């Protein structure tokens, strides 16, 4: 500060409009301040939101049933367990269901 006082007279230093001391880039938020704040919020939303979305997507994906053949095979097993079909019928139907895999 002493070097500044020696180089610039007091009246000019404190009355310097649109410069460093009076409503310039060192005071207030200005356009750059708000832009940096919004950019920071965007990054925080991305860093926090992306993992939350990925976890949600993985949980929702794992809760859905598999392909239709798996449900059909499950229904076939239930019929076999209840005794509605015999061994030969079960093997024949299971062979059809698993042939495409």
N, C-alpha and C. Protein backbone atom coordinates (compact mmCIF):
# COMPACT_ATOMS: atom_id res chain seq x y z
N UNK A 1 0.83 -1.18 0.00
CA UNK A 1 0.00 0.00 0.00
C UNK A 1 0.87 1.24 0.00
N UNK A 2 1.99 1.20 0.67
CA UNK A 2 2.88 2.36 0.71
C UNK A 2 3.43 2.65 -0.66
N UNK A 3 3.75 1.63 -1.40
CA UNK A 3 4.27 1.82 -2.75
C UNK A 3 3.20 2.44 -3.65
N UNK A 4 1.95 2.04 -3.47
CA UNK A 4 0.86 2.61 -4.25
C UNK A 4 0.67 4.08 -3.91
N UNK A 5 0.74 4.45 -2.64
CA UNK A 5 0.60 5.85 -2.24
C UNK A 5 1.72 6.70 -2.81
N UNK A 6 2.88 6.13 -2.91
CA UNK A 6 4.01 6.89 -3.43
C UNK A 6 3.88 7.09 -4.93
N UNK A 7 3.31 6.11 -5.63
CA UNK A 7 3.25 6.19 -7.09
C UNK A 7 2.02 6.95 -7.57
N UNK A 8 0.89 6.86 -6.83
CA UNK A 8 -0.36 7.47 -7.28
C UNK A 8 -0.84 8.42 -6.19
N UNK A 9 -1.17 9.65 -6.55
CA UNK A 9 -1.69 10.57 -5.53
C UNK A 9 -2.99 10.07 -4.94
N UNK A 10 -3.27 10.46 -3.70
CA UNK A 10 -4.45 9.99 -2.98
C UNK A 10 -5.75 10.30 -3.71
N UNK A 11 -5.89 11.46 -4.25
CA UNK A 11 -7.14 11.85 -4.91
C UNK A 11 -7.42 10.96 -6.11
N UNK A 12 -6.41 10.60 -6.84
CA UNK A 12 -6.60 9.76 -8.02
C UNK A 12 -6.87 8.32 -7.61
N UNK A 13 -6.19 7.83 -6.59
CA UNK A 13 -6.33 6.44 -6.19
C UNK A 13 -7.73 6.12 -5.68
N UNK A 14 -8.30 6.95 -4.86
CA UNK A 14 -9.59 6.65 -4.27
C UNK A 14 -10.75 7.13 -5.14
N UNK A 15 -10.49 7.84 -6.18
CA UNK A 15 -11.55 8.32 -7.06
C UNK A 15 -11.46 7.65 -8.43
N UNK A 16 -10.83 6.55 -8.50
CA UNK A 16 -10.60 5.85 -9.77
C UNK A 16 -11.87 5.06 -10.11
N UNK A 17 -12.68 5.57 -10.99
CA UNK A 17 -13.94 4.92 -11.34
C UNK A 17 -13.72 3.79 -12.33
N UNK A 18 -14.54 2.77 -12.18
CA UNK A 18 -14.49 1.58 -13.03
C UNK A 18 -13.12 0.92 -12.99
N UNK A 19 -12.47 1.07 -11.92
CA UNK A 19 -11.17 0.44 -11.76
C UNK A 19 -11.21 -0.55 -10.62
N UNK A 20 -10.09 -0.70 -9.99
CA UNK A 20 -9.96 -1.71 -8.97
C UNK A 20 -10.64 -1.31 -7.67
N UNK A 21 -10.75 -0.03 -7.36
CA UNK A 21 -11.20 0.38 -6.04
C UNK A 21 -12.68 0.75 -5.99
N UNK A 22 -13.24 1.21 -7.06
CA UNK A 22 -14.60 1.73 -7.01
C UNK A 22 -15.48 0.98 -8.00
N UNK A 23 -16.21 0.00 -7.52
CA UNK A 23 -17.16 -0.75 -8.34
C UNK A 23 -16.48 -1.44 -9.52
N UNK A 24 -15.30 -1.91 -9.31
CA UNK A 24 -14.58 -2.58 -10.39
C UNK A 24 -14.57 -4.07 -10.20
N UNK A 25 -13.53 -4.70 -10.67
CA UNK A 25 -13.49 -6.15 -10.63
C UNK A 25 -13.17 -6.71 -9.25
N UNK A 26 -12.84 -5.89 -8.31
CA UNK A 26 -12.53 -6.38 -6.97
C UNK A 26 -13.72 -6.31 -6.03
N UNK A 27 -14.81 -5.66 -6.43
CA UNK A 27 -15.95 -5.51 -5.53
C UNK A 27 -17.19 -6.08 -6.18
N UNK A 28 -18.11 -6.54 -5.37
CA UNK A 28 -19.39 -7.03 -5.87
C UNK A 28 -19.26 -8.34 -6.63
N UNK A 29 -20.42 -8.88 -7.00
CA UNK A 29 -20.42 -10.14 -7.74
C UNK A 29 -20.16 -9.91 -9.21
N UNK A 30 -20.85 -8.98 -9.80
CA UNK A 30 -20.66 -8.74 -11.22
C UNK A 30 -21.10 -9.93 -12.05
N UNK A 31 -20.93 -9.83 -13.33
CA UNK A 31 -21.33 -10.90 -14.24
C UNK A 31 -20.48 -12.15 -14.02
N UNK A 32 -19.20 -11.99 -13.85
CA UNK A 32 -18.32 -13.16 -13.68
C UNK A 32 -18.62 -13.89 -12.38
N UNK A 33 -18.95 -13.16 -11.34
CA UNK A 33 -19.25 -13.81 -10.07
C UNK A 33 -20.49 -14.68 -10.16
N UNK A 34 -21.56 -14.17 -10.74
CA UNK A 34 -22.78 -14.97 -10.90
C UNK A 34 -22.56 -16.13 -11.85
N UNK A 35 -21.81 -15.90 -12.91
CA UNK A 35 -21.53 -16.97 -13.86
C UNK A 35 -20.74 -18.10 -13.22
N UNK A 36 -19.75 -17.72 -12.41
CA UNK A 36 -18.96 -18.75 -11.73
C UNK A 36 -19.81 -19.50 -10.71
N UNK A 37 -20.71 -18.80 -10.04
CA UNK A 37 -21.58 -19.46 -9.07
C UNK A 37 -22.50 -20.45 -9.78
N UNK A 38 -23.10 -20.05 -10.88
CA UNK A 38 -23.99 -20.95 -11.62
C UNK A 38 -23.22 -22.13 -12.20
N UNK A 39 -22.01 -21.88 -12.67
CA UNK A 39 -21.17 -22.96 -13.19
C UNK A 39 -20.82 -23.94 -12.08
N UNK A 40 -20.54 -23.42 -10.89
CA UNK A 40 -20.27 -24.29 -9.75
C UNK A 40 -21.48 -25.11 -9.36
N UNK A 41 -22.65 -24.50 -9.38
CA UNK A 41 -23.88 -25.24 -9.08
C UNK A 41 -24.14 -26.33 -10.11
N UNK A 42 -23.85 -26.04 -11.36
CA UNK A 42 -24.00 -27.04 -12.42
C UNK A 42 -23.10 -28.23 -12.15
N UNK A 43 -21.85 -27.98 -11.81
CA UNK A 43 -20.93 -29.07 -11.53
C UNK A 43 -21.34 -29.86 -10.30
N UNK A 44 -21.82 -29.16 -9.26
CA UNK A 44 -22.28 -29.88 -8.07
C UNK A 44 -23.48 -30.76 -8.40
N UNK A 45 -24.41 -30.23 -9.20
CA UNK A 45 -25.57 -31.03 -9.59
C UNK A 45 -25.14 -32.24 -10.40
N UNK A 46 -24.15 -32.07 -11.26
CA UNK A 46 -23.66 -33.17 -12.08
C UNK A 46 -22.95 -34.21 -11.22
N UNK A 47 -22.10 -33.75 -10.32
CA UNK A 47 -21.33 -34.67 -9.48
C UNK A 47 -22.24 -35.41 -8.50
N UNK A 48 -23.27 -34.76 -8.00
CA UNK A 48 -24.17 -35.41 -7.05
C UNK A 48 -25.30 -36.14 -7.78
N UNK A 49 -25.84 -35.53 -8.82
CA UNK A 49 -27.00 -36.09 -9.50
C UNK A 49 -26.70 -37.31 -10.35
N UNK A 50 -25.55 -37.34 -11.00
CA UNK A 50 -25.22 -38.46 -11.88
C UNK A 50 -25.10 -39.78 -11.10
N UNK A 51 -24.36 -39.83 -9.99
CA UNK A 51 -24.33 -41.09 -9.24
C UNK A 51 -25.69 -41.50 -8.68
N UNK A 52 -26.48 -40.53 -8.24
CA UNK A 52 -27.82 -40.86 -7.73
C UNK A 52 -28.67 -41.46 -8.85
N UNK A 53 -28.60 -40.88 -10.04
CA UNK A 53 -29.36 -41.41 -11.17
C UNK A 53 -28.88 -42.81 -11.54
N UNK A 54 -27.56 -43.03 -11.55
CA UNK A 54 -27.04 -44.34 -11.91
C UNK A 54 -27.48 -45.41 -10.90
N UNK A 55 -27.46 -45.09 -9.62
CA UNK A 55 -27.91 -46.04 -8.61
C UNK A 55 -29.41 -46.33 -8.80
N UNK A 56 -30.20 -45.29 -9.02
CA UNK A 56 -31.63 -45.47 -9.26
C UNK A 56 -31.86 -46.36 -10.49
N UNK A 57 -31.11 -46.10 -11.55
CA UNK A 57 -31.28 -46.87 -12.79
C UNK A 57 -30.91 -48.33 -12.57
N UNK A 58 -29.81 -48.59 -11.85
CA UNK A 58 -29.41 -49.97 -11.60
C UNK A 58 -30.40 -50.70 -10.71
N UNK A 59 -30.92 -50.03 -9.69
CA UNK A 59 -31.90 -50.66 -8.80
C UNK A 59 -33.19 -50.95 -9.56
N UNK A 60 -33.66 -49.99 -10.35
CA UNK A 60 -34.89 -50.20 -11.12
C UNK A 60 -34.71 -51.31 -12.14
N UNK A 61 -33.52 -51.39 -12.71
CA UNK A 61 -33.25 -52.41 -13.73
C UNK A 61 -33.21 -53.80 -13.10
N UNK A 62 -32.64 -53.91 -11.89
CA UNK A 62 -32.53 -55.22 -11.26
C UNK A 62 -33.87 -55.70 -10.72
N UNK A 63 -34.80 -54.80 -10.45
CA UNK A 63 -36.09 -55.20 -9.90
C UNK A 63 -37.05 -55.71 -10.97
N UNK A 64 -36.82 -55.37 -12.21
CA UNK A 64 -37.70 -55.87 -13.27
C UNK A 64 -37.40 -57.33 -13.53
N UNK A 65 -38.41 -58.03 -13.95
CA UNK A 65 -38.21 -59.43 -14.29
C UNK A 65 -37.36 -59.54 -15.54
N UNK A 66 -36.77 -60.69 -15.72
CA UNK A 66 -35.94 -60.93 -16.88
C UNK A 66 -36.79 -61.08 -18.13
N UNK A 67 -36.25 -61.68 -19.14
CA UNK A 67 -37.00 -61.88 -20.38
C UNK A 67 -38.24 -62.75 -20.17
N UNK A 68 -39.10 -62.75 -21.17
CA UNK A 68 -40.36 -63.49 -21.08
C UNK A 68 -40.13 -64.99 -20.90
N UNK A 69 -39.02 -65.53 -21.43
CA UNK A 69 -38.75 -66.96 -21.30
C UNK A 69 -38.56 -67.33 -19.83
N UNK A 70 -37.93 -66.45 -19.06
CA UNK A 70 -37.72 -66.75 -17.64
C UNK A 70 -39.05 -66.83 -16.90
N UNK A 71 -39.96 -65.95 -17.22
CA UNK A 71 -41.28 -66.01 -16.58
C UNK A 71 -42.04 -67.25 -17.03
N UNK A 72 -41.90 -67.59 -18.30
CA UNK A 72 -42.57 -68.78 -18.81
C UNK A 72 -41.99 -70.04 -18.18
N UNK A 73 -40.68 -70.06 -18.00
CA UNK A 73 -40.05 -71.21 -17.37
C UNK A 73 -40.47 -71.30 -15.90
N UNK A 74 -40.62 -70.16 -15.25
CA UNK A 74 -41.09 -70.16 -13.87
C UNK A 74 -42.51 -70.70 -13.77
N UNK A 75 -43.36 -70.29 -14.71
CA UNK A 75 -44.73 -70.80 -14.71
C UNK A 75 -44.75 -72.29 -14.98
N UNK A 76 -43.86 -72.74 -15.86
CA UNK A 76 -43.78 -74.18 -16.17
C UNK A 76 -43.34 -74.97 -14.93
N UNK A 77 -42.39 -74.43 -14.22
CA UNK A 77 -41.93 -75.10 -12.99
C UNK A 77 -43.06 -75.15 -11.94
N UNK A 78 -43.85 -74.09 -11.87
CA UNK A 78 -44.98 -74.10 -10.93
C UNK A 78 -46.01 -75.17 -11.31
N UNK A 79 -46.29 -75.29 -12.61
CA UNK A 79 -47.22 -76.34 -13.06
C UNK A 79 -46.68 -77.72 -12.72
N UNK A 80 -45.38 -77.90 -12.91
CA UNK A 80 -44.77 -79.19 -12.61
C UNK A 80 -44.81 -79.46 -11.11
N UNK A 81 -44.57 -78.45 -10.32
CA UNK A 81 -44.58 -78.62 -8.87
C UNK A 81 -45.98 -78.93 -8.35
N UNK A 82 -46.99 -78.36 -8.97
CA UNK A 82 -48.36 -78.65 -8.55
C UNK A 82 -48.85 -80.00 -9.07
N UNK A 83 -48.09 -80.62 -9.96
CA UNK A 83 -48.48 -81.93 -10.50
C UNK A 83 -49.41 -81.84 -11.68
N UNK A 84 -49.54 -80.67 -12.28
CA UNK A 84 -50.44 -80.51 -13.43
C UNK A 84 -49.87 -81.14 -14.69
N UNK A 85 -48.53 -81.24 -14.78
CA UNK A 85 -47.90 -81.88 -15.95
C UNK A 85 -46.92 -82.93 -15.45
N UNK A 86 -46.65 -83.91 -16.29
CA UNK A 86 -45.73 -84.98 -15.89
C UNK A 86 -44.30 -84.65 -16.33
N UNK A 87 -43.38 -85.59 -16.05
CA UNK A 87 -41.96 -85.36 -16.34
C UNK A 87 -41.71 -85.14 -17.83
N UNK A 88 -42.32 -85.97 -18.66
CA UNK A 88 -42.09 -85.88 -20.11
C UNK A 88 -42.58 -84.55 -20.66
N UNK A 89 -43.76 -84.11 -20.24
CA UNK A 89 -44.31 -82.83 -20.70
C UNK A 89 -43.43 -81.66 -20.22
N UNK A 90 -42.97 -81.76 -18.98
CA UNK A 90 -42.11 -80.71 -18.45
C UNK A 90 -40.83 -80.61 -19.27
N UNK A 91 -40.18 -81.73 -19.55
CA UNK A 91 -38.92 -81.73 -20.31
C UNK A 91 -39.14 -81.23 -21.74
N UNK A 92 -40.24 -81.60 -22.35
CA UNK A 92 -40.53 -81.17 -23.72
C UNK A 92 -40.72 -79.66 -23.78
N UNK A 93 -41.51 -79.12 -22.85
CA UNK A 93 -41.76 -77.67 -22.83
C UNK A 93 -40.50 -76.89 -22.44
N UNK A 94 -39.75 -77.42 -21.47
CA UNK A 94 -38.53 -76.75 -21.06
C UNK A 94 -37.52 -76.72 -22.22
N UNK A 95 -37.47 -77.80 -22.99
CA UNK A 95 -36.59 -77.84 -24.15
C UNK A 95 -36.94 -76.77 -25.17
N UNK A 96 -38.23 -76.54 -25.40
CA UNK A 96 -38.65 -75.48 -26.32
C UNK A 96 -38.28 -74.09 -25.81
N UNK A 97 -38.49 -73.90 -24.51
CA UNK A 97 -38.22 -72.58 -23.94
C UNK A 97 -36.73 -72.24 -23.91
N UNK A 98 -35.90 -73.24 -23.68
CA UNK A 98 -34.46 -72.97 -23.57
C UNK A 98 -33.72 -73.17 -24.87
N UNK A 99 -34.36 -73.59 -25.93
CA UNK A 99 -33.68 -73.83 -27.22
C UNK A 99 -33.16 -72.54 -27.83
N UNK A 100 -33.81 -71.42 -27.60
CA UNK A 100 -33.41 -70.17 -28.23
C UNK A 100 -32.26 -69.47 -27.51
N UNK A 101 -31.85 -69.97 -26.39
CA UNK A 101 -30.79 -69.31 -25.60
C UNK A 101 -29.44 -69.65 -26.10
